[in-house]
Amino acid sequence: MGSDPLYRERALKILPWICGRCAREFPASRLRELTVHHKDGNHENNPRDGSNWELLCLYCHENEHARVLDSRAGGAAREPAATQAKHRPLAVLGELMKKKSRR
């Protein structure tokens, strides 16, 4: 294990050129748009079998890291109630259906 500056090249050799999130396929001419994401977040953990890597497109990789930052800053992982919607537009639907069936 340990730091390996060539892990990107190894990842591109052993993993399919498909984004692990959006499933978009990439031809050789667009491989620069694929990034190697370390599943455990540790860039020093580079097993030769690639078990800590997944290929993500630039957009999905950015989104993945933004989600981690959001959760560390107090996002959904810390306060789930604060992120839940309060408005319940269909809350009275059951009562309306009962009234209609009585007619």
PDB file of N, CA and C in Angstrom:
ATOM      1  N   MET A   1       0.858  -1.168   0.000  1.00  0.00           N
ATOM      2  CA  MET A   1       0.000   0.000   0.000  1.00  0.00           C
ATOM      3  C   MET A   1       0.902   1.228   0.000  1.00  0.00           C
ATOM      4  N   GLY A   2       0.518   2.318   0.638  1.00  0.00           N
ATOM      5  CA  GLY A   2       1.334   3.515   0.656  1.00  0.00           C
ATOM      6  C   GLY A   2       1.052   4.398  -0.534  1.00  0.00           C
ATOM      7  N   SER A   3       1.714   5.535  -0.555  1.00  0.00           N
ATOM      8  CA  SER A   3       1.502   6.501  -1.620  1.00  0.00           C
ATOM      9  C   SER A   3       2.048   5.971  -2.942  1.00  0.00           C
ATOM     10  N   ASP A   4       1.300   6.155  -3.992  1.00  0.00           N
ATOM     11  CA  ASP A   4       1.699   5.671  -5.311  1.00  0.00           C
ATOM     12  C   ASP A   4       1.286   6.711  -6.341  1.00  0.00           C
ATOM     13  N   PRO A   5       2.253   7.441  -6.896  1.00  0.00           N
ATOM     14  CA  PRO A   5       1.892   8.490  -7.861  1.00  0.00           C
ATOM     15  C   PRO A   5       1.316   7.937  -9.165  1.00  0.00           C
ATOM     16  N   LEU A   6       1.437   6.638  -9.392  1.00  0.00           N
ATOM     17  CA  LEU A   6       0.950   6.046 -10.633  1.00  0.00           C
ATOM     18  C   LEU A   6      -0.401   5.347 -10.458  1.00  0.00           C
ATOM     19  N   TYR A   7      -1.093   5.606  -9.358  1.00  0.00           N
ATOM     20  CA  TYR A   7      -2.349   4.883  -9.139  1.00  0.00           C
ATOM     21  C   TYR A   7      -3.396   5.221 -10.189  1.00  0.00           C
ATOM     22  N   ARG A   8      -3.388   6.431 -10.738  1.00  0.00           N
ATOM     23  CA  ARG A   8      -4.353   6.775 -11.786  1.00  0.00           C
ATOM     24  C   ARG A   8      -4.166   5.884 -13.006  1.00  0.00           C
ATOM     25  N   GLU A   9      -2.917   5.738 -13.438  1.00  0.00           N
ATOM     26  CA  GLU A   9      -2.640   4.903 -14.595  1.00  0.00           C
ATOM     27  C   GLU A   9      -3.055   3.450 -14.337  1.00  0.00           C
ATOM     28  N   ARG A  10      -2.782   2.954 -13.132  1.00  0.00           N
ATOM     29  CA  ARG A  10      -3.178   1.584 -12.792  1.00  0.00           C
ATOM     30  C   ARG A  10      -4.696   1.455 -12.763  1.00  0.00           C
ATOM     31  N   ALA A  11      -5.364   2.452 -12.182  1.00  0.00           N
ATOM     32  CA  ALA A  11      -6.828   2.405 -12.110  1.00  0.00           C
ATOM     33  C   ALA A  11      -7.439   2.367 -13.509  1.00  0.00           C
ATOM     34  N   LEU A  12      -6.902   3.160 -14.421  1.00  0.00           N
ATOM     35  CA  LEU A  12      -7.429   3.183 -15.790  1.00  0.00           C
ATOM     36  C   LEU A  12      -7.168   1.871 -16.533  1.00  0.00           C
ATOM     37  N   LYS A  13      -6.159   1.122 -16.099  1.00  0.00           N
ATOM     38  CA  LYS A  13      -5.875  -0.168 -16.732  1.00  0.00           C
ATOM     39  C   LYS A  13      -6.783  -1.273 -16.210  1.00  0.00           C
ATOM     40  N   ILE A  14      -7.157  -1.210 -14.932  1.00  0.00           N
ATOM     41  CA  ILE A  14      -7.897  -2.340 -14.361  1.00  0.00           C
ATOM     42  C   ILE A  14      -9.397  -2.086 -14.187  1.00  0.00           C
ATOM     43  N   LEU A  15      -9.832  -0.842 -14.238  1.00  0.00           N
ATOM     44  CA  LEU A  15     -11.257  -0.540 -14.060  1.00  0.00           C
ATOM     45  C   LEU A  15     -11.896  -0.150 -15.390  1.00  0.00           C
ATOM     46  N   PRO A  16     -13.172  -0.459 -15.565  1.00  0.00           N
ATOM     47  CA  PRO A  16     -13.859  -0.034 -16.806  1.00  0.00           C
ATOM     48  C   PRO A  16     -13.975   1.489 -16.833  1.00  0.00           C
ATOM     49  N   TRP A  17     -13.929   2.055 -17.999  1.00  0.00           N
ATOM     50  CA  TRP A  17     -13.966   3.508 -18.175  1.00  0.00           C
ATOM     51  C   TRP A  17     -15.394   4.027 -18.099  1.00  0.00           C
ATOM     52  N   ILE A  18     -16.001   3.790 -16.970  1.00  0.00           N
ATOM     53  CA  ILE A  18     -17.393   4.162 -16.717  1.00  0.00           C
ATOM     54  C   ILE A  18     -17.456   4.873 -15.375  1.00  0.00           C
ATOM     55  N   CYS A  19     -18.181   5.971 -15.287  1.00  0.00           N
ATOM     56  CA  CYS A  19     -18.344   6.681 -14.021  1.00  0.00           C
ATOM     57  C   CYS A  19     -19.136   5.789 -13.060  1.00  0.00           C
ATOM     58  N   GLY A  20     -18.615   5.623 -11.867  1.00  0.00           N
ATOM     59  CA  GLY A  20     -19.257   4.791 -10.862  1.00  0.00           C
ATOM     60  C   GLY A  20     -20.543   5.360 -10.300  1.00  0.00           C
ATOM     61  N   ARG A  21     -20.872   6.609 -10.608  1.00  0.00           N
ATOM     62  CA  ARG A  21     -22.104   7.222 -10.114  1.00  0.00           C
ATOM     63  C   ARG A  21     -23.152   7.364 -11.222  1.00  0.00           C
ATOM     64  N   CYS A  22     -22.804   8.046 -12.285  1.00  0.00           N
ATOM     65  CA  CYS A  22     -23.796   8.324 -13.336  1.00  0.00           C
ATOM     66  C   CYS A  22     -23.767   7.288 -14.463  1.00  0.00           C
ATOM     67  N   ALA A  23     -22.816   6.369 -14.439  1.00  0.00           N
ATOM     68  CA  ALA A  23     -22.683   5.272 -15.400  1.00  0.00           C
ATOM     69  C   ALA A  23     -22.383   5.731 -16.824  1.00  0.00           C
ATOM     70  N   ARG A  24     -21.903   6.951 -16.963  1.00  0.00           N
ATOM     71  CA  ARG A  24     -21.517   7.428 -18.291  1.00  0.00           C
ATOM     72  C   ARG A  24     -20.224   6.743 -18.723  1.00  0.00           C
ATOM     73  N   GLU A  25     -20.186   6.287 -19.966  1.00  0.00           N
ATOM     74  CA  GLU A  25     -18.992   5.633 -20.505  1.00  0.00           C
ATOM     75  C   GLU A  25     -18.091   6.666 -21.159  1.00  0.00           C
ATOM     76  N   PHE A  26     -16.784   6.434 -21.078  1.00  0.00           N
ATOM     77  CA  PHE A  26     -15.810   7.370 -21.630  1.00  0.00           C
ATOM     78  C   PHE A  26     -14.894   6.673 -22.625  1.00  0.00           C
ATOM     79  N   PRO A  27     -14.755   7.250 -23.828  1.00  0.00           N
ATOM     80  CA  PRO A  27     -13.795   6.701 -24.792  1.00  0.00           C
ATOM     81  C   PRO A  27     -12.377   7.138 -24.403  1.00  0.00           C
ATOM     82  N   ALA A  28     -11.393   6.526 -24.986  1.00  0.00           N
ATOM     83  CA  ALA A  28      -9.994   6.854 -24.682  1.00  0.00           C
ATOM     84  C   ALA A  28      -9.700   8.335 -24.879  1.00  0.00           C
ATOM     85  N   SER A  29     -10.354   8.954 -25.849  1.00  0.00           N
ATOM     86  CA  SER A  29     -10.093  10.372 -26.139  1.00  0.00           C
ATOM     87  C   SER A  29     -10.594  11.309 -25.034  1.00  0.00           C
ATOM     88  N   ARG A  30     -11.404  10.799 -24.099  1.00  0.00           N
ATOM     89  CA  ARG A  30     -11.964  11.659 -23.039  1.00  0.00           C
ATOM     90  C   ARG A  30     -11.613  11.163 -21.639  1.00  0.00           C
ATOM     91  N   LEU A  31     -10.582  10.364 -21.516  1.00  0.00           N
ATOM     92  CA  LEU A  31     -10.206   9.826 -20.205  1.00  0.00           C
ATOM     93  C   LEU A  31      -9.801  10.905 -19.216  1.00  0.00           C
ATOM     94  N   ARG A  32      -9.393  12.050 -19.710  1.00  0.00           N
ATOM     95  CA  ARG A  32      -9.030  13.142 -18.797  1.00  0.00           C
ATOM     96  C   ARG A  32     -10.221  13.587 -17.954  1.00  0.00           C
ATOM     97  N   GLU A  33     -11.430  13.234 -18.376  1.00  0.00           N
ATOM     98  CA  GLU A  33     -12.641  13.597 -17.640  1.00  0.00           C
ATOM     99  C   GLU A  33     -12.988  12.594 -16.537  1.00  0.00           C
ATOM    100  N   LEU A  34     -12.231  11.512 -16.442  1.00  0.00           N
ATOM    101  CA  LEU A  34     -12.429  10.534 -15.378  1.00  0.00           C
ATOM    102  C   LEU A  34     -11.393  10.755 -14.292  1.00  0.00           C
ATOM    103  N   THR A  35     -11.831  10.715 -13.052  1.00  0.00           N
ATOM    104  CA  THR A  35     -10.919  10.871 -11.921  1.00  0.00           C
ATOM    105  C   THR A  35     -10.966   9.605 -11.074  1.00  0.00           C
ATOM    106  N   VAL A  36      -9.925   9.393 -10.309  1.00  0.00           N
ATOM    107  CA  VAL A  36      -9.875   8.257  -9.395  1.00  0.00           C
ATOM    108  C   VAL A  36     -10.317   8.751  -8.025  1.00  0.00           C
ATOM    109  N   HIS A  37     -11.372   8.164  -7.528  1.00  0.00           N
ATOM    110  CA  HIS A  37     -11.880   8.503  -6.197  1.00  0.00           C
ATOM    111  C   HIS A  37     -11.475   7.400  -5.236  1.00  0.00           C
ATOM    112  N   HIS A  38     -10.893   7.785  -4.109  1.00  0.00           N
ATOM    113  CA  HIS A  38     -10.530   6.819  -3.067  1.00  0.00           C
ATOM    114  C   HIS A  38     -11.757   6.612  -2.189  1.00  0.00           C
ATOM    115  N   LYS A  39     -12.267   5.403  -2.192  1.00  0.00           N
ATOM    116  CA  LYS A  39     -13.509   5.096  -1.478  1.00  0.00           C
ATOM    117  C   LYS A  39     -13.432   5.430   0.008  1.00  0.00           C
ATOM    118  N   ASP A  40     -12.272   5.195   0.622  1.00  0.00           N
ATOM    119  CA  ASP A  40     -12.149   5.459   2.047  1.00  0.00           C
ATOM    120  C   ASP A  40     -11.624   6.870   2.340  1.00  0.00           C
ATOM    121  N   GLY A  41     -11.402   7.658   1.288  1.00  0.00           N
ATOM    122  CA  GLY A  41     -10.929   9.028   1.462  1.00  0.00           C
ATOM    123  C   GLY A  41      -9.437   9.146   1.725  1.00  0.00           C
ATOM    124  N   ASN A  42      -8.727   8.050   1.811  1.00  0.00           N
ATOM    125  CA  ASN A  42      -7.304   8.046   2.111  1.00  0.00           C
ATOM    126  C   ASN A  42      -6.500   7.886   0.826  1.00  0.00           C
ATOM    127  N   HIS A  43      -5.869   8.950   0.384  1.00  0.00           N
ATOM    128  CA  HIS A  43      -5.093   8.921  -0.859  1.00  0.00           C
ATOM    129  C   HIS A  43      -3.806   8.112  -0.735  1.00  0.00           C
ATOM    130  N   GLU A  44      -3.448   7.723   0.479  1.00  0.00           N
ATOM    131  CA  GLU A  44      -2.278   6.867   0.693  1.00  0.00           C
ATOM    132  C   GLU A  44      -2.638   5.393   0.556  1.00  0.00           C
ATOM    133  N   ASN A  45      -3.926   5.075   0.597  1.00  0.00           N
ATOM    134  CA  ASN A  45      -4.381   3.681   0.528  1.00  0.00           C
ATOM    135  C   ASN A  45      -4.619   3.308  -0.930  1.00  0.00           C
ATOM    136  N   ASN A  46      -3.587   2.730  -1.541  1.00  0.00           N
ATOM    137  CA  ASN A  46      -3.623   2.380  -2.962  1.00  0.00           C
ATOM    138  C   ASN A  46      -3.276   0.913  -3.173  1.00  0.00           C
ATOM    139  N   PRO A  47      -4.183  -0.006  -2.791  1.00  0.00           N
ATOM    140  CA  PRO A  47      -3.894  -1.427  -2.989  1.00  0.00           C
ATOM    141  C   PRO A  47      -3.761  -1.754  -4.476  1.00  0.00           C
ATOM    142  N   ARG A  48      -2.881  -2.677  -4.786  1.00  0.00           N
ATOM    143  CA  ARG A  48      -2.598  -3.011  -6.188  1.00  0.00           C
ATOM    144  C   ARG A  48      -3.821  -3.537  -6.923  1.00  0.00           C
ATOM    145  N   ASP A  49      -4.780  -4.102  -6.196  1.00  0.00           N
ATOM    146  CA  ASP A  49      -5.974  -4.638  -6.861  1.00  0.00           C
ATOM    147  C   ASP A  49      -7.030  -3.557  -7.133  1.00  0.00           C
ATOM    148  N   GLY A  50      -6.793  -2.331  -6.686  1.00  0.00           N
ATOM    149  CA  GLY A  50      -7.712  -1.234  -6.955  1.00  0.00           C
ATOM    150  C   GLY A  50      -8.971  -1.243  -6.105  1.00  0.00           C
ATOM    151  N   SER A  51      -8.989  -2.027  -5.051  1.00  0.00           N
ATOM    152  CA  SER A  51     -10.205  -2.167  -4.245  1.00  0.00           C
ATOM    153  C   SER A  51     -10.612  -0.888  -3.506  1.00  0.00           C
ATOM    154  N   ASN A  52      -9.736   0.097  -3.414  1.00  0.00           N
ATOM    155  CA  ASN A  52     -10.091   1.358  -2.763  1.00  0.00           C
ATOM    156  C   ASN A  52     -10.389   2.458  -3.777  1.00  0.00           C
ATOM    157  N   TRP A  53     -10.463   2.127  -5.027  1.00  0.00           N
ATOM    158  CA  TRP A  53     -10.680   3.125  -6.072  1.00  0.00           C
ATOM    159  C   TRP A  53     -11.998   2.919  -6.777  1.00  0.00           C
ATOM    160  N   GLU A  54     -12.505   4.014  -7.292  1.00  0.00           N
ATOM    161  CA  GLU A  54     -13.581   3.963  -8.275  1.00  0.00           C
ATOM    162  C   GLU A  54     -13.378   5.142  -9.205  1.00  0.00           C
ATOM    163  N   LEU A  55     -13.706   4.939 -10.456  1.00  0.00           N
ATOM    164  CA  LEU A  55     -13.592   6.020 -11.424  1.00  0.00           C
ATOM    165  C   LEU A  55     -14.888   6.818 -11.405  1.00  0.00           C
ATOM    166  N   LEU A  56     -14.738   8.136 -11.287  1.00  0.00           N
ATOM    167  CA  LEU A  56     -15.881   9.045 -11.310  1.00  0.00           C
ATOM    168  C   LEU A  56     -15.601  10.140 -12.327  1.00  0.00           C
ATOM    169  N   CYS A  57     -16.644  10.587 -13.013  1.00  0.00           N
ATOM    170  CA  CYS A  57     -16.463  11.727 -13.922  1.00  0.00           C
ATOM    171  C   CYS A  57     -16.208  12.969 -13.062  1.00  0.00           C
ATOM    172  N   LEU A  58     -15.724  14.004 -13.688  1.00  0.00           N
ATOM    173  CA  LEU A  58     -15.393  15.235 -12.956  1.00  0.00           C
ATOM    174  C   LEU A  58     -16.573  15.750 -12.145  1.00  0.00           C
ATOM    175  N   TYR A  59     -17.763  15.705 -12.718  1.00  0.00           N
ATOM    176  CA  TYR A  59     -18.949  16.248 -12.057  1.00  0.00           C
ATOM    177  C   TYR A  59     -19.337  15.411 -10.842  1.00  0.00           C
ATOM    178  N   CYS A  60     -19.371  14.101 -11.003  1.00  0.00           N
ATOM    179  CA  CYS A  60     -19.745  13.232  -9.886  1.00  0.00           C
ATOM    180  C   CYS A  60     -18.682  13.248  -8.792  1.00  0.00           C
ATOM    181  N   HIS A  61     -17.410  13.366  -9.174  1.00  0.00           N
ATOM    182  CA  HIS A  61     -16.338  13.423  -8.186  1.00  0.00           C
ATOM    183  C   HIS A  61     -16.465  14.699  -7.360  1.00  0.00           C
ATOM    184  N   GLU A  62     -16.727  15.795  -8.010  1.00  0.00           N
ATOM    185  CA  GLU A  62     -16.921  17.064  -7.299  1.00  0.00           C
ATOM    186  C   GLU A  62     -18.116  16.970  -6.360  1.00  0.00           C
ATOM    187  N   ASN A  63     -19.197  16.372  -6.842  1.00  0.00           N
ATOM    188  CA  ASN A  63     -20.400  16.212  -6.017  1.00  0.00           C
ATOM    189  C   ASN A  63     -20.120  15.332  -4.806  1.00  0.00           C
ATOM    190  N   GLU A  64     -19.385  14.270  -4.988  1.00  0.00           N
ATOM    191  CA  GLU A  64     -19.055  13.356  -3.889  1.00  0.00           C
ATOM    192  C   GLU A  64     -18.291  14.083  -2.788  1.00  0.00           C
ATOM    193  N   HIS A  65     -17.292  14.875  -3.180  1.00  0.00           N
ATOM    194  CA  HIS A  65     -16.509  15.604  -2.181  1.00  0.00           C
ATOM    195  C   HIS A  65     -17.325  16.727  -1.546  1.00  0.00           C
ATOM    196  N   ALA A  66     -18.207  17.337  -2.292  1.00  0.00           N
ATOM    197  CA  ALA A  66     -19.070  18.382  -1.721  1.00  0.00           C
ATOM    198  C   ALA A  66     -19.998  17.789  -0.671  1.00  0.00           C
ATOM    199  N   ARG A  67     -20.509  16.592  -0.918  1.00  0.00           N
ATOM    200  CA  ARG A  67     -21.387  15.932   0.061  1.00  0.00           C
ATOM    201  C   ARG A  67     -20.638  15.649   1.361  1.00  0.00           C
ATOM    202  N   VAL A  68     -19.389  15.223   1.256  1.00  0.00           N
ATOM    203  CA  VAL A  68     -18.583  14.961   2.452  1.00  0.00           C
ATOM    204  C   VAL A  68     -18.359  16.257   3.219  1.00  0.00           C
ATOM    205  N   LEU A  69     -18.009  17.318   2.507  1.00  0.00           N
ATOM    206  CA  LEU A  69     -17.791  18.609   3.164  1.00  0.00           C
ATOM    207  C   LEU A  69     -19.065  19.115   3.827  1.00  0.00           C
ATOM    208  N   ASP A  70     -20.193  18.963   3.148  1.00  0.00           N
ATOM    209  CA  ASP A  70     -21.466  19.393   3.721  1.00  0.00           C
ATOM    210  C   ASP A  70     -21.779  18.648   5.013  1.00  0.00           C
ATOM    211  N   SER A  71     -21.542  17.347   5.018  1.00  0.00           N
ATOM    212  CA  SER A  71     -21.855  16.578   6.221  1.00  0.00           C
ATOM    213  C   SER A  71     -20.927  16.956   7.368  1.00  0.00           C
ATOM    214  N   ARG A  72     -19.682  17.261   7.066  1.00  0.00           N
ATOM    215  CA  ARG A  72     -18.746  17.691   8.117  1.00  0.00           C
ATOM    216  C   ARG A  72     -19.117  19.063   8.661  1.00  0.00           C
ATOM    217  N   ALA A  73     -19.734  19.880   7.830  1.00  0.00           N
ATOM    218  CA  ALA A  73     -20.103  21.242   8.241  1.00  0.00           C
ATOM    219  C   ALA A  73     -21.439  21.275   8.973  1.00  0.00           C
ATOM    220  N   GLY A  74     -22.033  20.125   9.174  1.00  0.00           N
ATOM    221  CA  GLY A  74     -23.285  20.099   9.911  1.00  0.00           C
ATOM    222  C   GLY A  74     -24.486  19.871   9.040  1.00  0.00           C
ATOM    223  N   GLY A  75     -24.297  19.211   7.931  1.00  0.00           N
ATOM    224  CA  GLY A  75     -25.411  18.934   7.023  1.00  0.00           C
ATOM    225  C   GLY A  75     -26.286  17.812   7.541  1.00  0.00           C
ATOM    226  N   ALA A  76     -26.867  17.065   6.659  1.00  0.00           N
ATOM    227  CA  ALA A  76     -27.864  16.052   6.988  1.00  0.00           C
ATOM    228  C   ALA A  76     -27.369  15.017   7.995  1.00  0.00           C
ATOM    229  N   ALA A  77     -26.088  14.713   7.997  1.00  0.00           N
ATOM    230  CA  ALA A  77     -25.594  13.684   8.906  1.00  0.00           C
ATOM    231  C   ALA A  77     -25.700  14.102  10.368  1.00  0.00           C
ATOM    232  N   ARG A  78     -25.650  15.396  10.646  1.00  0.00           N
ATOM    233  CA  ARG A  78     -25.702  15.868  12.027  1.00  0.00           C
ATOM    234  C   ARG A  78     -27.101  16.209  12.493  1.00  0.00           C
ATOM    235  N   GLU A  79     -27.884  16.841  11.643  1.00  0.00           N
ATOM    236  CA  GLU A  79     -29.203  17.302  12.043  1.00  0.00           C
ATOM    237  C   GLU A  79     -30.248  16.932  11.001  1.00  0.00           C
ATOM    238  N   PRO A  80     -30.670  15.669  10.975  1.00  0.00           N
ATOM    239  CA  PRO A  80     -31.616  15.245   9.945  1.00  0.00           C
ATOM    240  C   PRO A  80     -32.942  15.989   9.991  1.00  0.00           C
ATOM    241  N   ALA A  81     -33.428  16.338  11.161  1.00  0.00           N
ATOM    242  CA  ALA A  81     -34.722  17.018  11.253  1.00  0.00           C
ATOM    243  C   ALA A  81     -34.684  18.386  10.588  1.00  0.00           C
ATOM    244  N   ALA A  82     -33.542  19.034  10.632  1.00  0.00           N
ATOM    245  CA  ALA A  82     -33.434  20.373  10.047  1.00  0.00           C
ATOM    246  C   ALA A  82     -33.495  20.347   8.531  1.00  0.00           C
ATOM    247  N   THR A  83     -33.197  19.199   7.934  1.00  0.00           N
ATOM    248  CA  THR A  83     -33.171  19.128   6.477  1.00  0.00           C
ATOM    249  C   THR A  83     -34.444  18.533   5.894  1.00  0.00           C
ATOM    250  N   GLN A  84     -35.340  18.062   6.751  1.00  0.00           N
ATOM    251  CA  GLN A  84     -36.566  17.459   6.255  1.00  0.00           C
ATOM    252  C   GLN A  84     -37.588  18.532   5.913  1.00  0.00           C
ATOM    253  N   ALA A  85     -38.346  18.264   4.885  1.00  0.00           N
ATOM    254  CA  ALA A  85     -39.394  19.198   4.474  1.00  0.00           C
ATOM    255  C   ALA A  85     -40.492  19.237   5.536  1.00  0.00           C
ATOM    256  N   LYS A  86     -40.986  20.415   5.818  1.00  0.00           N
ATOM    257  CA  LYS A  86     -42.050  20.588   6.810  1.00  0.00           C
ATOM    258  C   LYS A  86     -43.432  20.607   6.153  1.00  0.00           C
ATOM    259  N   HIS A  87     -43.501  21.095   4.957  1.00  0.00           N
ATOM    260  CA  HIS A  87     -44.769  21.219   4.250  1.00  0.00           C
ATOM    261  C   HIS A  87     -45.234  19.854   3.768  1.00  0.00           C
ATOM    262  N   ARG A  88     -46.467  19.517   4.042  1.00  0.00           N
ATOM    263  CA  ARG A  88     -47.042  18.230   3.651  1.00  0.00           C
ATOM    264  C   ARG A  88     -48.279  18.495   2.804  1.00  0.00           C
ATOM    265  N   PRO A  89     -48.112  18.726   1.506  1.00  0.00           N
ATOM    266  CA  PRO A  89     -49.235  19.117   0.658  1.00  0.00           C
ATOM    267  C   PRO A  89     -50.337  18.067   0.549  1.00  0.00           C
ATOM    268  N   LEU A  90     -50.029  16.812   0.796  1.00  0.00           N
ATOM    269  CA  LEU A  90     -51.042  15.757   0.667  1.00  0.00           C
ATOM    270  C   LEU A  90     -51.506  15.223   2.018  1.00  0.00           C
ATOM    271  N   ALA A  91     -51.213  15.934   3.096  1.00  0.00           N
ATOM    272  CA  ALA A  91     -51.547  15.453   4.430  1.00  0.00           C
ATOM    273  C   ALA A  91     -53.039  15.244   4.630  1.00  0.00           C
ATOM    274  N   VAL A  92     -53.870  16.046   4.011  1.00  0.00           N
ATOM    275  CA  VAL A  92     -55.326  15.940   4.205  1.00  0.00           C
ATOM    276  C   VAL A  92     -55.992  15.115   3.115  1.00  0.00           C
ATOM    277  N   LEU A  93     -55.221  14.527   2.259  1.00  0.00           N
ATOM    278  CA  LEU A  93     -55.787  13.765   1.153  1.00  0.00           C
ATOM    279  C   LEU A  93     -56.686  12.627   1.641  1.00  0.00           C
ATOM    280  N   GLY A  94     -56.274  11.914   2.673  1.00  0.00           N
ATOM    281  CA  GLY A  94     -57.072  10.813   3.204  1.00  0.00           C
ATOM    282  C   GLY A  94     -58.449  11.268   3.653  1.00  0.00           C
ATOM    283  N   GLU A  95     -58.513  12.396   4.350  1.00  0.00           N
ATOM    284  CA  GLU A  95     -59.801  12.924   4.808  1.00  0.00           C
ATOM    285  C   GLU A  95     -60.673  13.349   3.632  1.00  0.00           C
ATOM    286  N   LEU A  96     -60.067  13.957   2.631  1.00  0.00           N
ATOM    287  CA  LEU A  96     -60.832  14.377   1.449  1.00  0.00           C
ATOM    288  C   LEU A  96     -61.398  13.160   0.723  1.00  0.00           C
ATOM    289  N   MET A  97     -60.629  12.076   0.654  1.00  0.00           N
ATOM    290  CA  MET A  97     -61.096  10.860  -0.012  1.00  0.00           C
ATOM    291  C   MET A  97     -62.272  10.240   0.763  1.00  0.00           C
ATOM    292  N   LYS A  98     -62.197  10.258   2.069  1.00  0.00           N
ATOM    293  CA  LYS A  98     -63.292   9.720   2.897  1.00  0.00           C
ATOM    294  C   LYS A  98     -64.572  10.509   2.679  1.00  0.00           C
ATOM    295  N   LYS A  99     -64.441  11.833   2.664  1.00  0.00           N
ATOM    296  CA  LYS A  99     -65.623  12.701   2.452  1.00  0.00           C
ATOM    297  C   LYS A  99     -66.250  12.434   1.099  1.00  0.00           C
ATOM    298  N   LYS A 100     -65.419  12.256   0.071  1.00  0.00           N
ATOM    299  CA  LYS A 100     -65.934  12.028  -1.279  1.00  0.00           C
ATOM    300  C   LYS A 100     -66.647  10.693  -1.367  1.00  0.00           C
ATOM    301  N   SER A 101     -66.120   9.661  -0.700  1.00  0.00           N
ATOM    302  CA  SER A 101     -66.730   8.331  -0.776  1.00  0.00           C
ATOM    303  C   SER A 101     -68.063   8.271  -0.006  1.00  0.00           C
ATOM    304  N   ARG A 102     -68.307   9.168   0.933  1.00  0.00           N
ATOM    305  CA  ARG A 102     -69.563   9.204   1.673  1.00  0.00           C
ATOM    306  C   ARG A 102     -70.698   9.789   0.870  1.00  0.00           C
ATOM    307  N   ARG A 103     -70.377  10.540  -0.159  1.00  0.00           N
ATOM    308  CA  ARG A 103     -71.429  11.194  -0.971  1.00  0.00           C
ATOM    309  C   ARG A 103     -72.198  10.246  -1.801  1.00  0.00           C
TER     310      ARG A 103
END
